Amino acid sequence: MKRRLFLSALLLLTLIPSAHAYELKDDLGRTSQWSAPPRRIVSMVPSLTESVCELGACGKLVGVDRYSNYPAAVNALPKLGGMDDTNVEMIAALKPDLVLVAPSSRVAERLQSLGLTVVVMDSKSYRDVQRVLAKLGTLLQVGDAERVWRRIEAGVGAAAQSLPEKARGVRVYYEVASGPYGAGESSFMGEILSRLGARNILPASMGPFPKINPEFVVKADPQVIMMGQRDAAGVVDRPGWQRISAVRDKRICVFTREEGDVLVRPGPRLAEAAQIMARCLRESAAPK
């Protein structure tokens, strides 16, 4: 009799959902179920790596992609390749209970077929960063994930306030990669530029990161050009670019590799990105 009662009680407990159980819908609309926060995390996106660490879960990371290099602690973790050469076998060997990937990942299905939980997250706009931070906060069961966003907002606002009036309203072209590809108004980088009072030559209708015809830039005649060190070589020698105000007046901001990492990652260092852009605008507004 006692045994039957015990077994009945045990069965009843298995039917009652855990008080701490929760679910998360990722950016592909797929839902994952969790009875406790993940304890072993692989991140294959640098901005997500930074976000996990900013939310206090850096110690749960067991592997990252080759481009994740901040904070410094992640450099000691196994590097698992990039988008084109992800080391699936090595990821599986790490036995993660969560793998974070971007929508462009080519191995998400394969990882899932191995029984791994894959969550897809993507940030293209400024508000996407807020949304992803909130989702990660839910996933990691962080009490106050919103604090990270409040700090970002305060930092971006401070960067905007640091600009003199003469640095506002200038036409800006931000080249994010060779091709060339630019940061449009609807990208997180473009939205920061708008917060700083700059006028982006790439309208929102072109998309977040459109491929640009160089002649378009010539016609738009930006007063300031921003770009990374890797893509800056020979920029002044592009056909017709000597006619661009930014080239003629030597108002081209070339960012270091470290600055470029901050600027192109839609994560918790957005305020620092705003400060870097603001410095460029201040220096460009100064007399030559």
Protein backbone atom coordinates (compact mmCIF):
# COMPACT_ATOMS: atom_id res chain seq x y z
CA MET A 1 0.00 0.00 0.00
CA LYS A 2 2.76 2.41 0.97
CA ARG A 3 4.64 1.51 -2.19
CA ARG A 4 1.56 2.27 -4.34
CA LEU A 5 1.12 5.62 -2.61
CA PHE A 6 4.78 6.45 -3.13
CA LEU A 7 4.63 5.58 -6.83
CA SER A 8 1.44 7.61 -7.27
CA ALA A 9 3.02 10.62 -5.62
CA LEU A 10 6.13 10.25 -7.77
CA LEU A 11 4.00 10.08 -10.94
CA LEU A 12 2.09 13.17 -9.84
CA LEU A 13 5.33 15.10 -9.36
CA THR A 14 6.47 14.24 -12.88
CA LEU A 15 3.21 15.63 -14.25
CA ILE A 16 3.53 18.97 -12.41
CA PRO A 17 5.67 21.44 -14.37
CA SER A 18 8.68 22.86 -12.60
CA ALA A 19 8.08 26.23 -10.97
CA HIS A 20 11.24 27.44 -12.68
CA ALA A 21 10.54 26.05 -16.15
CA TYR A 22 10.50 28.60 -18.96
CA GLU A 23 10.73 28.81 -22.71
CA LEU A 24 12.42 31.05 -25.25
CA LYS A 25 11.51 31.79 -28.85
CA ASP A 26 14.56 32.58 -30.98
CA ASP A 27 14.79 34.85 -34.02
CA LEU A 28 13.71 32.05 -36.35
CA GLY A 29 10.55 31.54 -34.30
CA ARG A 30 11.73 28.25 -32.80
CA THR A 31 10.93 27.60 -29.15
CA SER A 32 13.27 25.90 -26.70
CA GLN A 33 12.22 24.66 -23.26
CA TRP A 34 14.34 25.18 -20.15
CA SER A 35 14.03 23.84 -16.63
CA ALA A 36 17.16 25.71 -15.53
CA PRO A 37 19.56 28.22 -17.12
CA PRO A 38 22.18 26.75 -19.48
CA ARG A 39 25.47 25.87 -17.78
CA ARG A 40 27.70 25.15 -20.79
CA ILE A 41 27.44 27.70 -23.61
CA VAL A 42 29.09 27.90 -27.01
CA SER A 43 28.81 31.28 -28.75
CA MET A 44 29.56 31.53 -32.46
CA VAL A 45 28.85 35.28 -32.69
CA PRO A 46 31.24 37.88 -31.19
CA SER A 47 28.46 40.29 -30.19
CA LEU A 48 26.60 37.47 -28.41
CA THR A 49 29.82 36.41 -26.68
CA GLU A 50 30.21 39.95 -25.37
CA SER A 51 26.56 40.09 -24.34
CA VAL A 52 26.73 36.80 -22.40
CA CYS A 53 29.76 38.12 -20.53
CA GLU A 54 28.18 41.51 -19.87
CA LEU A 55 25.20 39.70 -18.34
CA GLY A 56 27.51 37.97 -15.90
CA ALA A 57 27.65 34.53 -17.52
CA CYS A 58 31.15 34.59 -19.01
CA GLY A 59 32.11 31.67 -16.80
CA LYS A 60 29.52 29.51 -18.54
CA LEU A 61 31.17 29.85 -21.95
CA VAL A 62 33.08 26.72 -22.97
CA GLY A 63 33.94 27.71 -26.55
CA VAL A 64 33.63 30.62 -28.99
CA ASP A 65 34.13 31.48 -32.65
CA ARG A 66 37.56 32.62 -33.82
CA TYR A 67 36.54 36.30 -33.94
CA SER A 68 35.34 36.52 -30.34
CA ASN A 69 38.15 38.37 -28.56
CA TYR A 70 36.43 40.48 -25.91
CA PRO A 71 36.50 40.46 -22.96
CA ALA A 72 40.05 39.15 -22.69
CA ALA A 73 38.94 36.08 -20.71
CA VAL A 74 37.35 34.51 -23.81
CA ASN A 75 40.72 34.31 -25.54
CA ALA A 76 41.58 31.34 -23.32
CA LEU A 77 38.58 29.36 -24.59
CA PRO A 78 38.64 26.86 -27.46
CA LYS A 79 38.23 28.63 -30.82
CA LEU A 80 35.70 26.80 -32.95
CA GLY A 81 36.12 28.36 -36.39
CA GLY A 82 33.95 30.83 -38.25
CA MET A 83 30.85 30.84 -40.41
CA ASP A 84 32.49 28.92 -43.25
CA ASP A 85 34.56 26.45 -41.24
CA THR A 86 32.73 25.82 -37.98
CA ASN A 87 34.25 22.85 -36.17
CA VAL A 88 31.07 20.89 -35.50
CA GLU A 89 32.85 17.89 -34.02
CA MET A 90 34.72 20.04 -31.54
CA ILE A 91 31.52 21.81 -30.51
CA ALA A 92 29.82 18.47 -29.90
CA ALA A 93 32.80 17.25 -27.87
CA LEU A 94 32.41 20.24 -25.54
CA LYS A 95 28.91 18.97 -24.63
CA PRO A 96 27.23 22.39 -24.52
CA ASP A 97 23.61 22.67 -23.45
CA LEU A 98 23.30 25.83 -25.58
CA VAL A 99 24.85 26.94 -28.87
CA LEU A 100 24.30 30.56 -29.91
CA VAL A 101 24.49 31.24 -33.65
CA ALA A 102 23.53 33.89 -36.21
CA PRO A 103 20.83 33.31 -38.87
CA SER A 104 23.61 33.02 -41.45
CA SER A 105 25.05 29.97 -39.70
CA ARG A 106 25.47 27.05 -42.09
CA VAL A 107 25.70 24.37 -39.43
CA ALA A 108 22.69 25.07 -37.20
CA GLU A 109 20.71 22.10 -38.54
CA ARG A 110 23.67 19.78 -38.27
CA LEU A 111 24.24 20.82 -34.67
CA GLN A 112 20.58 20.19 -33.92
CA SER A 113 20.80 16.77 -35.54
CA LEU A 114 23.47 15.92 -32.97
CA GLY A 115 20.99 16.66 -30.20
CA LEU A 116 22.34 20.12 -29.32
CA THR A 117 20.07 23.03 -28.46
CA VAL A 118 20.70 25.83 -30.96
CA VAL A 119 19.34 29.34 -30.44
CA VAL A 120 19.49 31.85 -33.30
CA MET A 121 19.76 35.56 -32.49
CA ASP A 122 20.38 38.49 -34.79
CA SER A 123 20.80 42.26 -34.38
CA LYS A 124 20.70 44.64 -37.31
CA SER A 125 19.02 47.67 -35.75
CA TYR A 126 19.66 49.60 -32.55
CA ARG A 127 16.48 48.26 -30.96
CA ASP A 128 17.41 44.73 -32.02
CA VAL A 129 20.29 44.99 -29.58
CA GLN A 130 17.88 45.81 -26.76
CA ARG A 131 15.62 42.90 -27.77
CA VAL A 132 18.50 40.39 -27.96
CA LEU A 133 19.88 41.50 -24.60
CA ALA A 134 16.43 41.00 -23.08
CA LYS A 135 16.12 37.53 -24.63
CA LEU A 136 19.56 36.55 -23.39
CA GLY A 137 18.58 37.84 -19.96
CA THR A 138 15.56 35.54 -20.00
CA LEU A 139 17.60 32.61 -21.27
CA LEU A 140 20.30 33.10 -18.64
CA GLN A 141 17.72 34.01 -15.97
CA VAL A 142 19.46 37.29 -15.21
CA GLY A 143 17.53 39.41 -12.76
CA ASP A 144 18.12 42.83 -14.32
CA ALA A 145 19.24 42.48 -17.92
CA GLU A 146 17.71 45.89 -18.61
CA ARG A 147 20.55 47.52 -16.66
CA VAL A 148 22.87 46.83 -19.60
CA TRP A 149 20.52 48.62 -21.97
CA ARG A 150 20.13 51.56 -19.59
CA ARG A 151 23.91 51.93 -19.51
CA ILE A 152 24.07 51.82 -23.31
CA GLU A 153 21.37 54.46 -23.66
CA ALA A 154 23.09 56.73 -21.14
CA GLY A 155 26.45 56.34 -22.92
CA VAL A 156 25.05 57.06 -26.37
CA GLY A 157 23.23 60.10 -24.99
CA ALA A 158 26.44 61.37 -23.39
CA ALA A 159 28.32 60.93 -26.68
CA ALA A 160 25.66 62.98 -28.48
CA GLN A 161 25.83 65.75 -25.88
CA SER A 162 29.61 65.94 -26.25
CA LEU A 163 29.37 67.22 -29.82
CA PRO A 164 29.55 70.93 -30.60
CA GLU A 165 26.87 72.40 -32.86
CA LYS A 166 29.26 72.68 -35.82
CA ALA A 167 29.77 68.88 -35.73
CA ARG A 168 26.07 68.22 -36.24
CA GLY A 169 24.17 67.86 -39.48
CA VAL A 170 27.17 66.79 -41.56
CA ARG A 171 26.74 64.28 -44.39
CA VAL A 172 28.42 60.98 -43.44
CA TYR A 173 29.28 57.83 -45.36
CA TYR A 174 30.24 54.82 -43.23
CA GLU A 175 31.83 51.99 -45.23
CA VAL A 176 31.60 48.77 -43.23
CA ALA A 177 33.34 46.41 -45.66
CA SER A 178 34.92 46.18 -49.09
CA GLY A 179 32.47 45.72 -51.91
CA PRO A 180 31.81 48.40 -50.89
CA TYR A 181 29.08 47.89 -48.29
CA GLY A 182 27.79 50.83 -46.27
CA ALA A 183 25.92 51.28 -43.01
CA GLY A 184 22.43 52.52 -43.89
CA GLU A 185 20.13 54.62 -41.73
CA SER A 186 18.25 51.52 -40.53
CA SER A 187 21.35 49.71 -39.25
CA PHE A 188 22.41 49.99 -35.61
CA MET A 189 25.46 51.96 -36.79
CA GLY A 190 23.30 54.27 -38.87
CA GLU A 191 20.92 54.80 -35.97
CA ILE A 192 23.82 55.80 -33.72
CA LEU A 193 24.95 58.30 -36.36
CA SER A 194 21.43 59.75 -36.35
CA ARG A 195 21.52 60.01 -32.55
CA LEU A 196 24.75 61.97 -32.95
CA GLY A 197 23.03 64.40 -35.29
CA ALA A 198 24.77 63.24 -38.48
CA ARG A 199 23.03 62.87 -41.85
CA ASN A 200 23.62 59.45 -43.37
CA ILE A 201 23.94 59.50 -47.16
CA LEU A 202 22.42 55.98 -47.29
CA PRO A 203 18.65 56.20 -46.68
CA ALA A 204 16.74 53.54 -44.75
CA SER A 205 15.10 52.41 -48.00
CA MET A 206 18.44 50.91 -49.08
CA GLY A 207 18.44 48.46 -46.16
CA PRO A 208 20.75 48.11 -43.15
CA PHE A 209 23.98 47.24 -44.95
CA PRO A 210 23.56 47.76 -48.71
CA LYS A 211 26.17 47.16 -51.36
CA ILE A 212 27.00 50.56 -52.83
CA ASN A 213 27.87 51.75 -56.30
CA PRO A 214 30.93 53.96 -55.67
CA GLU A 215 29.46 56.54 -58.05
CA PHE A 216 26.53 56.89 -55.63
CA VAL A 217 28.95 58.06 -52.95
CA VAL A 218 30.51 60.57 -55.35
CA LYS A 219 27.09 62.05 -56.13
CA ALA A 220 26.05 62.11 -52.48
CA ASP A 221 29.25 64.03 -51.65
CA PRO A 222 29.69 63.14 -47.96
CA GLN A 223 31.53 65.64 -45.79
CA VAL A 224 32.91 62.87 -43.55
CA ILE A 225 33.86 59.30 -44.42
CA MET A 226 34.27 56.59 -41.78
CA MET A 227 35.90 53.24 -42.48
CA GLY A 228 38.12 50.53 -41.05
CA GLN A 229 41.87 50.34 -41.47
CA ARG A 230 41.66 47.21 -43.61
CA ASP A 231 39.54 48.89 -46.31
CA ALA A 232 41.15 52.35 -46.29
CA ALA A 233 44.06 51.64 -48.63
CA GLY A 234 43.57 53.36 -51.98
CA VAL A 235 40.23 54.91 -51.08
CA VAL A 236 41.30 58.36 -52.29
CA ASP A 237 42.29 56.86 -55.64
CA ARG A 238 38.85 55.47 -56.43
CA PRO A 239 37.49 56.92 -59.69
CA GLY A 240 35.91 60.32 -59.08
CA TRP A 241 36.46 60.27 -55.33
CA GLN A 242 38.82 63.25 -55.44
CA ARG A 243 35.67 65.33 -56.02
CA ILE A 244 34.11 64.20 -52.70
CA SER A 245 34.23 66.87 -50.01
CA ALA A 246 35.48 64.42 -47.35
CA VAL A 247 38.39 63.33 -49.56
CA ARG A 248 39.23 66.86 -50.72
CA ASP A 249 39.15 68.23 -47.14
CA LYS A 250 40.91 65.19 -45.66
CA ARG A 251 38.02 64.33 -43.38
CA ILE A 252 38.33 60.55 -43.50
CA CYS A 253 38.27 58.73 -40.16
CA VAL A 254 40.15 55.44 -40.37
CA PHE A 255 39.43 53.22 -37.39
CA THR A 256 41.92 50.77 -35.90
CA ARG A 257 41.13 47.08 -35.85
CA GLU A 258 40.25 47.30 -32.15
CA GLU A 259 37.94 50.26 -32.79
CA GLY A 260 36.44 48.43 -35.75
CA ASP A 261 35.55 45.47 -33.52
CA VAL A 262 33.65 47.82 -31.20
CA LEU A 263 31.88 49.60 -34.05
CA VAL A 264 30.65 46.61 -36.05
CA ARG A 265 29.38 44.47 -33.16
CA PRO A 266 25.76 45.05 -32.14
CA GLY A 267 26.25 44.35 -28.48
CA PRO A 268 26.94 45.88 -25.08
CA ARG A 269 29.71 48.19 -26.33
CA LEU A 270 27.36 50.39 -28.40
CA ALA A 271 28.01 53.34 -26.10
CA GLU A 272 31.73 52.99 -26.75
CA ALA A 273 30.97 52.84 -30.48
CA ALA A 274 29.02 56.09 -30.17
CA GLN A 275 31.99 57.72 -28.44
CA ILE A 276 34.34 56.64 -31.25
CA MET A 277 32.00 58.06 -33.90
CA ALA A 278 31.54 61.26 -31.88
CA ARG A 279 35.29 61.75 -31.67
CA CYS A 280 35.52 61.40 -35.45
CA LEU A 281 32.82 64.03 -35.93
CA ARG A 282 34.48 66.41 -33.45
CA GLU A 283 37.88 66.08 -35.09
CA SER A 284 36.35 66.48 -38.56
CA ALA A 285 34.65 69.70 -37.45
CA ALA A 286 37.90 71.15 -36.12
CA PRO A 287 39.87 73.54 -38.37
CA LYS A 288 42.45 71.78 -40.49
